[in-house]
Amino acid sequence: MEAVRQPVLAGGRHRTRRRRRLRARARRLLTVLLLAAALVTVPRVVSTLSSTPEVPAIIHVVAEGETLWEIADRYTDGQDLRQVVAAIQKYNGLTSPVIRPGQVLEIPPSLHR
């Protein structure tokens, strides 16, 4: 069996088919690009819409004689104080639990009662 070739007709029937194929390819490419853009954009929009508004950190100024453990106990209910102290240290960039009077600490929003 030999492959049947279509004759090239004067008047552009061959050109018309070629244009149709090119347009079809262009439409497929555009569809793929739009789907890729949607896959990148939609999760960002959904996560922005579904996220709860961010609660600001509580500002606490350390008083004379206050310890980080007391502060941690004041702002939480029943949580393990070791984890709370560690969270406050990390949030404030402290390398130890030693604090000074007048020092400003931020209590992470995740620890609020």
PDB file of N, CA and C in Angstrom:
ATOM      1  N   MET A   1       0.823  -1.173   0.000  1.00  0.00           N
ATOM      2  CA  MET A   1       0.000   0.000   0.000  1.00  0.00           C
ATOM      3  C   MET A   1       0.870   1.238   0.000  1.00  0.00           C
ATOM      4  N   GLU A   2       0.570   2.073  -0.904  1.00  0.00           N
ATOM      5  CA  GLU A   2       1.314   3.330  -0.984  1.00  0.00           C
ATOM      6  C   GLU A   2       0.536   4.427  -0.295  1.00  0.00           C
ATOM      7  N   ALA A   3       1.282   5.329   0.273  1.00  0.00           N
ATOM      8  CA  ALA A   3       0.634   6.474   0.909  1.00  0.00           C
ATOM      9  C   ALA A   3       0.027   7.348  -0.166  1.00  0.00           C
ATOM     10  N   VAL A   4      -1.175   7.760   0.072  1.00  0.00           N
ATOM     11  CA  VAL A   4      -1.862   8.607  -0.887  1.00  0.00           C
ATOM     12  C   VAL A   4      -1.537  10.051  -0.560  1.00  0.00           C
ATOM     13  N   ARG A   5      -1.057  10.742  -1.539  1.00  0.00           N
ATOM     14  CA  ARG A   5      -0.739  12.162  -1.351  1.00  0.00           C
ATOM     15  C   ARG A   5      -1.848  12.983  -1.943  1.00  0.00           C
ATOM     16  N   GLN A   6      -2.159  14.000  -1.247  1.00  0.00           N
ATOM     17  CA  GLN A   6      -3.173  14.897  -1.773  1.00  0.00           C
ATOM     18  C   GLN A   6      -2.483  15.893  -2.690  1.00  0.00           C
ATOM     19  N   PRO A   7      -3.072  16.148  -3.772  1.00  0.00           N
ATOM     20  CA  PRO A   7      -2.449  17.100  -4.696  1.00  0.00           C
ATOM     21  C   PRO A   7      -2.550  18.516  -4.137  1.00  0.00           C
ATOM     22  N   VAL A   8      -1.537  19.275  -4.417  1.00  0.00           N
ATOM     23  CA  VAL A   8      -1.545  20.680  -4.027  1.00  0.00           C
ATOM     24  C   VAL A   8      -2.391  21.400  -5.044  1.00  0.00           C
ATOM     25  N   LEU A   9      -3.455  21.943  -4.571  1.00  0.00           N
ATOM     26  CA  LEU A   9      -4.389  22.587  -5.475  1.00  0.00           C
ATOM     27  C   LEU A   9      -4.094  24.071  -5.561  1.00  0.00           C
ATOM     28  N   ALA A  10      -4.239  24.564  -6.757  1.00  0.00           N
ATOM     29  CA  ALA A  10      -4.114  26.001  -6.928  1.00  0.00           C
ATOM     30  C   ALA A  10      -5.322  26.632  -6.261  1.00  0.00           C
ATOM     31  N   GLY A  11      -5.142  27.744  -5.691  1.00  0.00           N
ATOM     32  CA  GLY A  11      -6.256  28.396  -5.020  1.00  0.00           C
ATOM     33  C   GLY A  11      -6.152  28.300  -3.514  1.00  0.00           C
ATOM     34  N   GLY A  12      -5.214  27.541  -3.011  1.00  0.00           N
ATOM     35  CA  GLY A  12      -4.910  27.599  -1.606  1.00  0.00           C
ATOM     36  C   GLY A  12      -5.580  26.601  -0.698  1.00  0.00           C
ATOM     37  N   ARG A  13      -6.167  25.505  -1.231  1.00  0.00           N
ATOM     38  CA  ARG A  13      -6.783  24.536  -0.324  1.00  0.00           C
ATOM     39  C   ARG A  13      -5.731  23.964   0.621  1.00  0.00           C
ATOM     40  N   HIS A  14      -4.533  23.718   0.078  1.00  0.00           N
ATOM     41  CA  HIS A  14      -3.436  23.218   0.911  1.00  0.00           C
ATOM     42  C   HIS A  14      -3.061  24.241   1.977  1.00  0.00           C
ATOM     43  N   ARG A  15      -3.019  25.507   1.596  1.00  0.00           N
ATOM     44  CA  ARG A  15      -2.694  26.566   2.564  1.00  0.00           C
ATOM     45  C   ARG A  15      -3.751  26.665   3.654  1.00  0.00           C
ATOM     46  N   THR A  16      -4.994  26.477   3.272  1.00  0.00           N
ATOM     47  CA  THR A  16      -6.083  26.552   4.243  1.00  0.00           C
ATOM     48  C   THR A  16      -5.937  25.454   5.288  1.00  0.00           C
ATOM     49  N   ARG A  17      -5.636  24.253   4.853  1.00  0.00           N
ATOM     50  CA  ARG A  17      -5.436  23.147   5.799  1.00  0.00           C
ATOM     51  C   ARG A  17      -4.258  23.430   6.716  1.00  0.00           C
ATOM     52  N   ARG A  18      -3.210  23.955   6.148  1.00  0.00           N
ATOM     53  CA  ARG A  18      -2.015  24.269   6.946  1.00  0.00           C
ATOM     54  C   ARG A  18      -2.337  25.329   7.995  1.00  0.00           C
ATOM     55  N   ARG A  19      -3.074  26.351   7.594  1.00  0.00           N
ATOM     56  CA  ARG A  19      -3.463  27.397   8.544  1.00  0.00           C
ATOM     57  C   ARG A  19      -4.326  26.817   9.663  1.00  0.00           C
ATOM     58  N   ARG A  20      -5.248  25.938   9.308  1.00  0.00           N
ATOM     59  CA  ARG A  20      -6.106  25.314  10.318  1.00  0.00           C
ATOM     60  C   ARG A  20      -5.279  24.517  11.323  1.00  0.00           C
ATOM     61  N   ARG A  21      -4.303  23.762  10.793  1.00  0.00           N
ATOM     62  CA  ARG A  21      -3.438  22.991  11.691  1.00  0.00           C
ATOM     63  C   ARG A  21      -2.639  23.908  12.600  1.00  0.00           C
ATOM     64  N   LEU A  22      -2.109  24.999  12.040  1.00  0.00           N
ATOM     65  CA  LEU A  22      -1.348  25.942  12.849  1.00  0.00           C
ATOM     66  C   LEU A  22      -2.232  26.598  13.912  1.00  0.00           C
ATOM     67  N   ARG A  23      -3.458  26.953  13.532  1.00  0.00           N
ATOM     68  CA  ARG A  23      -4.378  27.551  14.496  1.00  0.00           C
ATOM     69  C   ARG A  23      -4.725  26.554  15.600  1.00  0.00           C
ATOM     70  N   ALA A  24      -4.927  25.311  15.226  1.00  0.00           N
ATOM     71  CA  ALA A  24      -5.240  24.278  16.215  1.00  0.00           C
ATOM     72  C   ALA A  24      -4.070  24.103  17.182  1.00  0.00           C
ATOM     73  N   ARG A  25      -2.864  24.088  16.637  1.00  0.00           N
ATOM     74  CA  ARG A  25      -1.678  23.993  17.503  1.00  0.00           C
ATOM     75  C   ARG A  25      -1.579  25.194  18.436  1.00  0.00           C
ATOM     76  N   ALA A  26      -1.842  26.366  17.876  1.00  0.00           N
ATOM     77  CA  ALA A  26      -1.780  27.579  18.688  1.00  0.00           C
ATOM     78  C   ALA A  26      -2.822  27.535  19.805  1.00  0.00           C
ATOM     79  N   ARG A  27      -4.030  27.058  19.494  1.00  0.00           N
ATOM     80  CA  ARG A  27      -5.074  26.946  20.520  1.00  0.00           C
ATOM     81  C   ARG A  27      -4.682  25.949  21.598  1.00  0.00           C
ATOM     82  N   ARG A  28      -4.107  24.820  21.193  1.00  0.00           N
ATOM     83  CA  ARG A  28      -3.666  23.829  22.182  1.00  0.00           C
ATOM     84  C   ARG A  28      -2.567  24.400  23.068  1.00  0.00           C
ATOM     85  N   LEU A  29      -1.611  25.105  22.468  1.00  0.00           N
ATOM     86  CA  LEU A  29      -0.532  25.708  23.235  1.00  0.00           C
ATOM     87  C   LEU A  29      -1.076  26.747  24.204  1.00  0.00           C
ATOM     88  N   LEU A  30      -2.003  27.565  23.741  1.00  0.00           N
ATOM     89  CA  LEU A  30      -2.607  28.572  24.603  1.00  0.00           C
ATOM     90  C   LEU A  30      -3.359  27.920  25.757  1.00  0.00           C
ATOM     91  N   THR A  31      -4.074  26.843  25.468  1.00  0.00           N
ATOM     92  CA  THR A  31      -4.792  26.119  26.516  1.00  0.00           C
ATOM     93  C   THR A  31      -3.836  25.569  27.557  1.00  0.00           C
ATOM     94  N   VAL A  32      -2.748  24.968  27.116  1.00  0.00           N
ATOM     95  CA  VAL A  32      -1.758  24.420  28.044  1.00  0.00           C
ATOM     96  C   VAL A  32      -1.147  25.535  28.898  1.00  0.00           C
ATOM     97  N   LEU A  33      -0.819  26.654  28.278  1.00  0.00           N
ATOM     98  CA  LEU A  33      -0.245  27.766  29.029  1.00  0.00           C
ATOM     99  C   LEU A  33      -1.231  28.332  30.050  1.00  0.00           C
ATOM    100  N   LEU A  34      -2.491  28.452  29.665  1.00  0.00           N
ATOM    101  CA  LEU A  34      -3.503  28.948  30.607  1.00  0.00           C
ATOM    102  C   LEU A  34      -3.707  27.983  31.766  1.00  0.00           C
ATOM    103  N   LEU A  35      -3.718  26.688  31.478  1.00  0.00           N
ATOM    104  CA  LEU A  35      -3.844  25.700  32.556  1.00  0.00           C
ATOM    105  C   LEU A  35      -2.647  25.753  33.496  1.00  0.00           C
ATOM    106  N   ALA A  36      -1.456  25.898  32.939  1.00  0.00           N
ATOM    107  CA  ALA A  36      -0.256  25.998  33.782  1.00  0.00           C
ATOM    108  C   ALA A  36      -0.322  27.246  34.657  1.00  0.00           C
ATOM    109  N   ALA A  37      -0.746  28.363  34.089  1.00  0.00           N
ATOM    110  CA  ALA A  37      -0.875  29.591  34.873  1.00  0.00           C
ATOM    111  C   ALA A  37      -1.920  29.421  35.970  1.00  0.00           C
ATOM    112  N   ALA A  38      -3.011  28.736  35.664  1.00  0.00           N
ATOM    113  CA  ALA A  38      -4.053  28.500  36.674  1.00  0.00           C
ATOM    114  C   ALA A  38      -3.527  27.616  37.794  1.00  0.00           C
ATOM    115  N   LEU A  39      -2.752  26.594  37.442  1.00  0.00           N
ATOM    116  CA  LEU A  39      -2.197  25.707  38.468  1.00  0.00           C
ATOM    117  C   LEU A  39      -1.254  26.446  39.407  1.00  0.00           C
ATOM    118  N   VAL A  40      -0.584  27.454  38.900  1.00  0.00           N
ATOM    119  CA  VAL A  40       0.333  28.228  39.730  1.00  0.00           C
ATOM    120  C   VAL A  40      -0.420  29.268  40.556  1.00  0.00           C
ATOM    121  N   THR A  41      -1.425  29.889  39.978  1.00  0.00           N
ATOM    122  CA  THR A  41      -2.112  31.009  40.609  1.00  0.00           C
ATOM    123  C   THR A  41      -3.206  30.591  41.587  1.00  0.00           C
ATOM    124  N   VAL A  42      -4.001  29.615  41.241  1.00  0.00           N
ATOM    125  CA  VAL A  42      -5.167  29.248  42.053  1.00  0.00           C
ATOM    126  C   VAL A  42      -4.795  28.851  43.481  1.00  0.00           C
ATOM    127  N   PRO A  43      -3.782  28.023  43.722  1.00  0.00           N
ATOM    128  CA  PRO A  43      -3.465  27.686  45.120  1.00  0.00           C
ATOM    129  C   PRO A  43      -3.104  28.913  45.952  1.00  0.00           C
ATOM    130  N   ARG A  44      -2.429  29.880  45.364  1.00  0.00           N
ATOM    131  CA  ARG A  44      -2.081  31.096  46.107  1.00  0.00           C
ATOM    132  C   ARG A  44      -3.328  31.878  46.478  1.00  0.00           C
ATOM    133  N   VAL A  45      -4.240  32.006  45.552  1.00  0.00           N
ATOM    134  CA  VAL A  45      -5.466  32.760  45.808  1.00  0.00           C
ATOM    135  C   VAL A  45      -6.301  32.046  46.861  1.00  0.00           C
ATOM    136  N   VAL A  46      -6.433  30.739  46.743  1.00  0.00           N
ATOM    137  CA  VAL A  46      -7.229  29.969  47.694  1.00  0.00           C
ATOM    138  C   VAL A  46      -6.628  30.050  49.086  1.00  0.00           C
ATOM    139  N   SER A  47      -5.307  29.929  49.202  1.00  0.00           N
ATOM    140  CA  SER A  47      -4.686  29.998  50.525  1.00  0.00           C
ATOM    141  C   SER A  47      -4.838  31.386  51.126  1.00  0.00           C
ATOM    142  N   THR A  48      -4.818  32.413  50.307  1.00  0.00           N
ATOM    143  CA  THR A  48      -5.013  33.767  50.804  1.00  0.00           C
ATOM    144  C   THR A  48      -6.443  33.960  51.291  1.00  0.00           C
ATOM    145  N   LEU A  49      -7.394  33.440  50.559  1.00  0.00           N
ATOM    146  CA  LEU A  49      -8.798  33.600  50.925  1.00  0.00           C
ATOM    147  C   LEU A  49      -9.175  32.771  52.138  1.00  0.00           C
ATOM    148  N   SER A  50      -8.594  31.586  52.273  1.00  0.00           N
ATOM    149  CA  SER A  50      -8.995  30.702  53.356  1.00  0.00           C
ATOM    150  C   SER A  50      -8.226  30.946  54.648  1.00  0.00           C
ATOM    151  N   SER A  51      -7.138  31.676  54.585  1.00  0.00           N
ATOM    152  CA  SER A  51      -6.365  31.885  55.807  1.00  0.00           C
ATOM    153  C   SER A  51      -7.076  32.868  56.725  1.00  0.00           C
ATOM    154  N   THR A  52      -6.933  32.625  58.001  1.00  0.00           N
ATOM    155  CA  THR A  52      -7.547  33.512  58.980  1.00  0.00           C
ATOM    156  C   THR A  52      -6.685  34.756  59.119  1.00  0.00           C
ATOM    157  N   PRO A  53      -7.283  35.862  59.501  1.00  0.00           N
ATOM    158  CA  PRO A  53      -6.489  37.073  59.658  1.00  0.00           C
ATOM    159  C   PRO A  53      -5.417  36.860  60.731  1.00  0.00           C
ATOM    160  N   GLU A  54      -4.264  37.421  60.469  1.00  0.00           N
ATOM    161  CA  GLU A  54      -3.153  37.244  61.385  1.00  0.00           C
ATOM    162  C   GLU A  54      -3.381  38.041  62.662  1.00  0.00           C
ATOM    163  N   VAL A  55      -3.215  37.354  63.790  1.00  0.00           N
ATOM    164  CA  VAL A  55      -3.357  37.995  65.088  1.00  0.00           C
ATOM    165  C   VAL A  55      -1.991  38.578  65.451  1.00  0.00           C
ATOM    166  N   PRO A  56      -1.947  39.832  65.866  1.00  0.00           N
ATOM    167  CA  PRO A  56      -0.649  40.412  66.206  1.00  0.00           C
ATOM    168  C   PRO A  56      -0.104  39.836  67.521  1.00  0.00           C
ATOM    169  N   ALA A  57       1.185  39.900  67.650  1.00  0.00           N
ATOM    170  CA  ALA A  57       1.831  39.442  68.878  1.00  0.00           C
ATOM    171  C   ALA A  57       1.493  40.414  70.013  1.00  0.00           C
ATOM    172  N   ILE A  58       1.468  39.879  71.223  1.00  0.00           N
ATOM    173  CA  ILE A  58       1.267  40.722  72.403  1.00  0.00           C
ATOM    174  C   ILE A  58       2.622  41.268  72.827  1.00  0.00           C
ATOM    175  N   ILE A  59       2.652  42.560  73.136  1.00  0.00           N
ATOM    176  CA  ILE A  59       3.884  43.189  73.613  1.00  0.00           C
ATOM    177  C   ILE A  59       3.882  43.149  75.137  1.00  0.00           C
ATOM    178  N   HIS A  60       4.960  42.659  75.703  1.00  0.00           N
ATOM    179  CA  HIS A  60       5.096  42.584  77.166  1.00  0.00           C
ATOM    180  C   HIS A  60       6.409  43.240  77.562  1.00  0.00           C
ATOM    181  N   VAL A  61       6.327  44.200  78.484  1.00  0.00           N
ATOM    182  CA  VAL A  61       7.534  44.842  79.020  1.00  0.00           C
ATOM    183  C   VAL A  61       7.861  44.161  80.340  1.00  0.00           C
ATOM    184  N   VAL A  62       9.067  43.643  80.445  1.00  0.00           N
ATOM    185  CA  VAL A  62       9.485  42.882  81.621  1.00  0.00           C
ATOM    186  C   VAL A  62       9.573  43.814  82.834  1.00  0.00           C
ATOM    187  N   ALA A  63       8.927  43.393  83.930  1.00  0.00           N
ATOM    188  CA  ALA A  63       8.958  44.153  85.180  1.00  0.00           C
ATOM    189  C   ALA A  63      10.085  43.629  86.079  1.00  0.00           C
ATOM    190  N   GLU A  64      10.420  44.392  87.082  1.00  0.00           N
ATOM    191  CA  GLU A  64      11.468  44.016  88.052  1.00  0.00           C
ATOM    192  C   GLU A  64      11.093  42.684  88.716  1.00  0.00           C
ATOM    193  N   GLY A  65      12.020  41.732  88.698  1.00  0.00           N
ATOM    194  CA  GLY A  65      11.832  40.448  89.366  1.00  0.00           C
ATOM    195  C   GLY A  65      11.039  39.424  88.563  1.00  0.00           C
ATOM    196  N   GLU A  66      10.578  39.781  87.403  1.00  0.00           N
ATOM    197  CA  GLU A  66       9.796  38.863  86.582  1.00  0.00           C
ATOM    198  C   GLU A  66      10.714  37.871  85.865  1.00  0.00           C
ATOM    199  N   THR A  67      10.241  36.643  85.709  1.00  0.00           N
ATOM    200  CA  THR A  67      11.015  35.635  84.977  1.00  0.00           C
ATOM    201  C   THR A  67      10.267  35.258  83.691  1.00  0.00           C
ATOM    202  N   LEU A  68      11.002  34.671  82.790  1.00  0.00           N
ATOM    203  CA  LEU A  68      10.403  34.235  81.534  1.00  0.00           C
ATOM    204  C   LEU A  68       9.353  33.151  81.784  1.00  0.00           C
ATOM    205  N   TRP A  69       9.577  32.345  82.809  1.00  0.00           N
ATOM    206  CA  TRP A  69       8.632  31.284  83.161  1.00  0.00           C
ATOM    207  C   TRP A  69       7.305  31.871  83.647  1.00  0.00           C
ATOM    208  N   GLU A  70       7.367  32.931  84.447  1.00  0.00           N
ATOM    209  CA  GLU A  70       6.145  33.588  84.929  1.00  0.00           C
ATOM    210  C   GLU A  70       5.375  34.226  83.766  1.00  0.00           C
ATOM    211  N   ILE A  71       6.129  34.847  82.882  1.00  0.00           N
ATOM    212  CA  ILE A  71       5.498  35.479  81.716  1.00  0.00           C
ATOM    213  C   ILE A  71       4.828  34.410  80.859  1.00  0.00           C
ATOM    214  N   ALA A  72       5.511  33.305  80.633  1.00  0.00           N
ATOM    215  CA  ALA A  72       4.953  32.210  79.825  1.00  0.00           C
ATOM    216  C   ALA A  72       3.681  31.671  80.472  1.00  0.00           C
ATOM    217  N   ASP A  73       3.671  31.536  81.802  1.00  0.00           N
ATOM    218  CA  ASP A  73       2.506  31.028  82.514  1.00  0.00           C
ATOM    219  C   ASP A  73       1.332  32.005  82.426  1.00  0.00           C
ATOM    220  N   ARG A  74       1.602  33.298  82.394  1.00  0.00           N
ATOM    221  CA  ARG A  74       0.565  34.321  82.352  1.00  0.00           C
ATOM    222  C   ARG A  74      -0.215  34.273  81.028  1.00  0.00           C
ATOM    223  N   TYR A  75       0.465  34.001  79.935  1.00  0.00           N
ATOM    224  CA  TYR A  75      -0.174  34.100  78.621  1.00  0.00           C
ATOM    225  C   TYR A  75      -0.682  32.780  78.052  1.00  0.00           C
ATOM    226  N   THR A  76      -0.573  31.686  78.802  1.00  0.00           N
ATOM    227  CA  THR A  76      -1.052  30.406  78.280  1.00  0.00           C
ATOM    228  C   THR A  76      -1.891  29.689  79.317  1.00  0.00           C
ATOM    229  N   ASP A  77      -2.678  28.748  78.839  1.00  0.00           N
ATOM    230  CA  ASP A  77      -3.522  27.919  79.711  1.00  0.00           C
ATOM    231  C   ASP A  77      -3.149  26.457  79.561  1.00  0.00           C
ATOM    232  N   GLY A  78      -2.552  25.892  80.564  1.00  0.00           N
ATOM    233  CA  GLY A  78      -2.314  24.462  80.600  1.00  0.00           C
ATOM    234  C   GLY A  78      -1.312  23.898  79.615  1.00  0.00           C
ATOM    235  N   GLN A  79      -0.586  24.731  78.916  1.00  0.00           N
ATOM    236  CA  GLN A  79       0.422  24.211  77.991  1.00  0.00           C
ATOM    237  C   GLN A  79       1.704  23.912  78.762  1.00  0.00           C
ATOM    238  N   ASP A  80       2.520  23.055  78.206  1.00  0.00           N
ATOM    239  CA  ASP A  80       3.809  22.734  78.821  1.00  0.00           C
ATOM    240  C   ASP A  80       4.676  23.994  78.805  1.00  0.00           C
ATOM    241  N   LEU A  81       5.025  24.495  80.000  1.00  0.00           N
ATOM    242  CA  LEU A  81       5.758  25.762  80.090  1.00  0.00           C
ATOM    243  C   LEU A  81       7.125  25.700  79.421  1.00  0.00           C
ATOM    244  N   ARG A  82       7.729  24.530  79.385  1.00  0.00           N
ATOM    245  CA  ARG A  82       9.031  24.420  78.723  1.00  0.00           C
ATOM    246  C   ARG A  82       8.899  24.764  77.238  1.00  0.00           C
ATOM    247  N   GLN A  83       7.829  24.271  76.622  1.00  0.00           N
ATOM    248  CA  GLN A  83       7.603  24.556  75.200  1.00  0.00           C
ATOM    249  C   GLN A  83       7.232  26.023  74.998  1.00  0.00           C
ATOM    250  N   VAL A  84       6.464  26.589  75.917  1.00  0.00           N
ATOM    251  CA  VAL A  84       6.061  27.986  75.802  1.00  0.00           C
ATOM    252  C   VAL A  84       7.272  28.903  75.948  1.00  0.00           C
ATOM    253  N   VAL A  85       8.116  28.628  76.947  1.00  0.00           N
ATOM    254  CA  VAL A  85       9.335  29.424  77.134  1.00  0.00           C
ATOM    255  C   VAL A  85      10.220  29.331  75.899  1.00  0.00           C
ATOM    256  N   ALA A  86      10.367  28.120  75.359  1.00  0.00           N
ATOM    257  CA  ALA A  86      11.186  27.930  74.154  1.00  0.00           C
ATOM    258  C   ALA A  86      10.600  28.716  72.977  1.00  0.00           C
ATOM    259  N   ALA A  87       9.265  28.726  72.855  1.00  0.00           N
ATOM    260  CA  ALA A  87       8.622  29.459  71.758  1.00  0.00           C
ATOM    261  C   ALA A  87       8.839  30.966  71.904  1.00  0.00           C
ATOM    262  N   ILE A  88       8.726  31.485  73.128  1.00  0.00           N
ATOM    263  CA  ILE A  88       8.942  32.923  73.362  1.00  0.00           C
ATOM    264  C   ILE A  88      10.406  33.279  73.074  1.00  0.00           C
ATOM    265  N   GLN A  89      11.315  32.434  73.507  1.00  0.00           N
ATOM    266  CA  GLN A  89      12.738  32.673  73.231  1.00  0.00           C
ATOM    267  C   GLN A  89      12.994  32.712  71.728  1.00  0.00           C
ATOM    268  N   LYS A  90      12.484  31.743  71.010  1.00  0.00           N
ATOM    269  CA  LYS A  90      12.715  31.670  69.572  1.00  0.00           C
ATOM    270  C   LYS A  90      12.094  32.867  68.865  1.00  0.00           C
ATOM    271  N   TYR A  91      10.876  33.226  69.240  1.00  0.00           N
ATOM    272  CA  TYR A  91      10.160  34.337  68.600  1.00  0.00           C
ATOM    273  C   TYR A  91      10.892  35.657  68.797  1.00  0.00           C
ATOM    274  N   ASN A  92      11.555  35.798  69.957  1.00  0.00           N
ATOM    275  CA  ASN A  92      12.257  37.047  70.275  1.00  0.00           C
ATOM    276  C   ASN A  92      13.754  36.988  70.002  1.00  0.00           C
ATOM    277  N   GLY A  93      14.239  35.850  69.514  1.00  0.00           N
ATOM    278  CA  GLY A  93      15.659  35.717  69.196  1.00  0.00           C
ATOM    279  C   GLY A  93      16.554  35.662  70.428  1.00  0.00           C
ATOM    280  N   LEU A  94      16.015  35.135  71.525  1.00  0.00           N
ATOM    281  CA  LEU A  94      16.802  35.030  72.759  1.00  0.00           C
ATOM    282  C   LEU A  94      17.584  33.725  72.750  1.00  0.00           C
ATOM    283  N   THR A  95      18.825  33.781  73.234  1.00  0.00           N
ATOM    284  CA  THR A  95      19.644  32.569  73.296  1.00  0.00           C
ATOM    285  C   THR A  95      19.569  31.903  74.665  1.00  0.00           C
ATOM    286  N   SER A  96      19.008  32.604  75.660  1.00  0.00           N
ATOM    287  CA  SER A  96      18.844  32.032  76.995  1.00  0.00           C
ATOM    288  C   SER A  96      17.564  32.600  77.610  1.00  0.00           C
ATOM    289  N   PRO A  97      17.087  31.987  78.702  1.00  0.00           N
ATOM    290  CA  PRO A  97      15.862  32.487  79.333  1.00  0.00           C
ATOM    291  C   PRO A  97      16.100  33.692  80.248  1.00  0.00           C
ATOM    292  N   VAL A  98      17.295  34.232  80.266  1.00  0.00           N
ATOM    293  CA  VAL A  98      17.605  35.380  81.114  1.00  0.00           C
ATOM    294  C   VAL A  98      17.045  36.649  80.466  1.00  0.00           C
ATOM    295  N   ILE A  99      16.243  37.400  81.244  1.00  0.00           N
ATOM    296  CA  ILE A  99      15.660  38.649  80.762  1.00  0.00           C
ATOM    297  C   ILE A  99      15.936  39.760  81.756  1.00  0.00           C
ATOM    298  N   ARG A 100      15.838  41.017  81.304  1.00  0.00           N
ATOM    299  CA  ARG A 100      16.122  42.179  82.153  1.00  0.00           C
ATOM    300  C   ARG A 100      14.873  43.048  82.294  1.00  0.00           C
ATOM    301  N   PRO A 101      14.733  43.753  83.436  1.00  0.00           N
ATOM    302  CA  PRO A 101      13.606  44.677  83.578  1.00  0.00           C
ATOM    303  C   PRO A 101      13.646  45.729  82.472  1.00  0.00           C
ATOM    304  N   GLY A 102      12.477  46.035  81.924  1.00  0.00           N
ATOM    305  CA  GLY A 102      12.386  47.009  80.851  1.00  0.00           C
ATOM    306  C   GLY A 102      12.529  46.408  79.463  1.00  0.00           C
ATOM    307  N   GLN A 103      12.960  45.157  79.398  1.00  0.00           N
ATOM    308  CA  GLN A 103      13.118  44.494  78.102  1.00  0.00           C
ATOM    309  C   GLN A 103      11.729  44.262  77.488  1.00  0.00           C
ATOM    310  N   VAL A 104      11.614  44.499  76.196  1.00  0.00           N
ATOM    311  CA  VAL A 104      10.340  44.313  75.500  1.00  0.00           C
ATOM    312  C   VAL A 104      10.336  42.939  74.849  1.00  0.00           C
ATOM    313  N   LEU A 105       9.322  42.142  75.184  1.00  0.00           N
ATOM    314  CA  LEU A 105       9.156  40.813  74.599  1.00  0.00           C
ATOM    315  C   LEU A 105       7.859  40.772  73.810  1.00  0.00           C
ATOM    316  N   GLU A 106       7.867  40.007  72.745  1.00  0.00           N
ATOM    317  CA  GLU A 106       6.642  39.765  71.993  1.00  0.00           C
ATOM    318  C   GLU A 106       6.205  38.329  72.268  1.00  0.00           C
ATOM    319  N   ILE A 107       4.942  38.191  72.632  1.00  0.00           N
ATOM    320  CA  ILE A 107       4.380  36.865  72.872  1.00  0.00           C
ATOM    321  C   ILE A 107       3.770  36.395  71.553  1.00  0.00           C
ATOM    322  N   PRO A 108       4.233  35.267  71.019  1.00  0.00           N
ATOM    323  CA  PRO A 108       3.752  34.793  69.723  1.00  0.00           C
ATOM    324  C   PRO A 108       2.231  34.624  69.696  1.00  0.00           C
ATOM    325  N   PRO A 109       1.601  34.946  68.589  1.00  0.00           N
ATOM    326  CA  PRO A 109       0.143  34.802  68.468  1.00  0.00           C
ATOM    327  C   PRO A 109      -0.328  33.372  68.720  1.00  0.00           C
ATOM    328  N   SER A 110       0.486  32.398  68.409  1.00  0.00           N
ATOM    329  CA  SER A 110       0.096  31.003  68.578  1.00  0.00           C
ATOM    330  C   SER A 110      -0.056  30.626  70.054  1.00  0.00           C
ATOM    331  N   LEU A 111       0.471  31.447  70.959  1.00  0.00           N
ATOM    332  CA  LEU A 111       0.410  31.129  72.389  1.00  0.00           C
ATOM    333  C   LEU A 111      -0.719  31.850  73.113  1.00  0.00           C
ATOM    334  N   HIS A 112      -1.424  32.721  72.448  1.00  0.00           N
ATOM    335  CA  HIS A 112      -2.493  33.459  73.118  1.00  0.00           C
ATOM    336  C   HIS A 112      -3.581  32.515  73.595  1.00  0.00           C
ATOM    337  N   ARG A 113      -4.174  32.838  74.717  1.00  0.00           N
ATOM    338  CA  ARG A 113      -5.275  32.019  75.258  1.00  0.00           C
ATOM    339  C   ARG A 113      -6.477  32.104  74.370  1.00  0.00           C
TER     340      ARG A 113
END
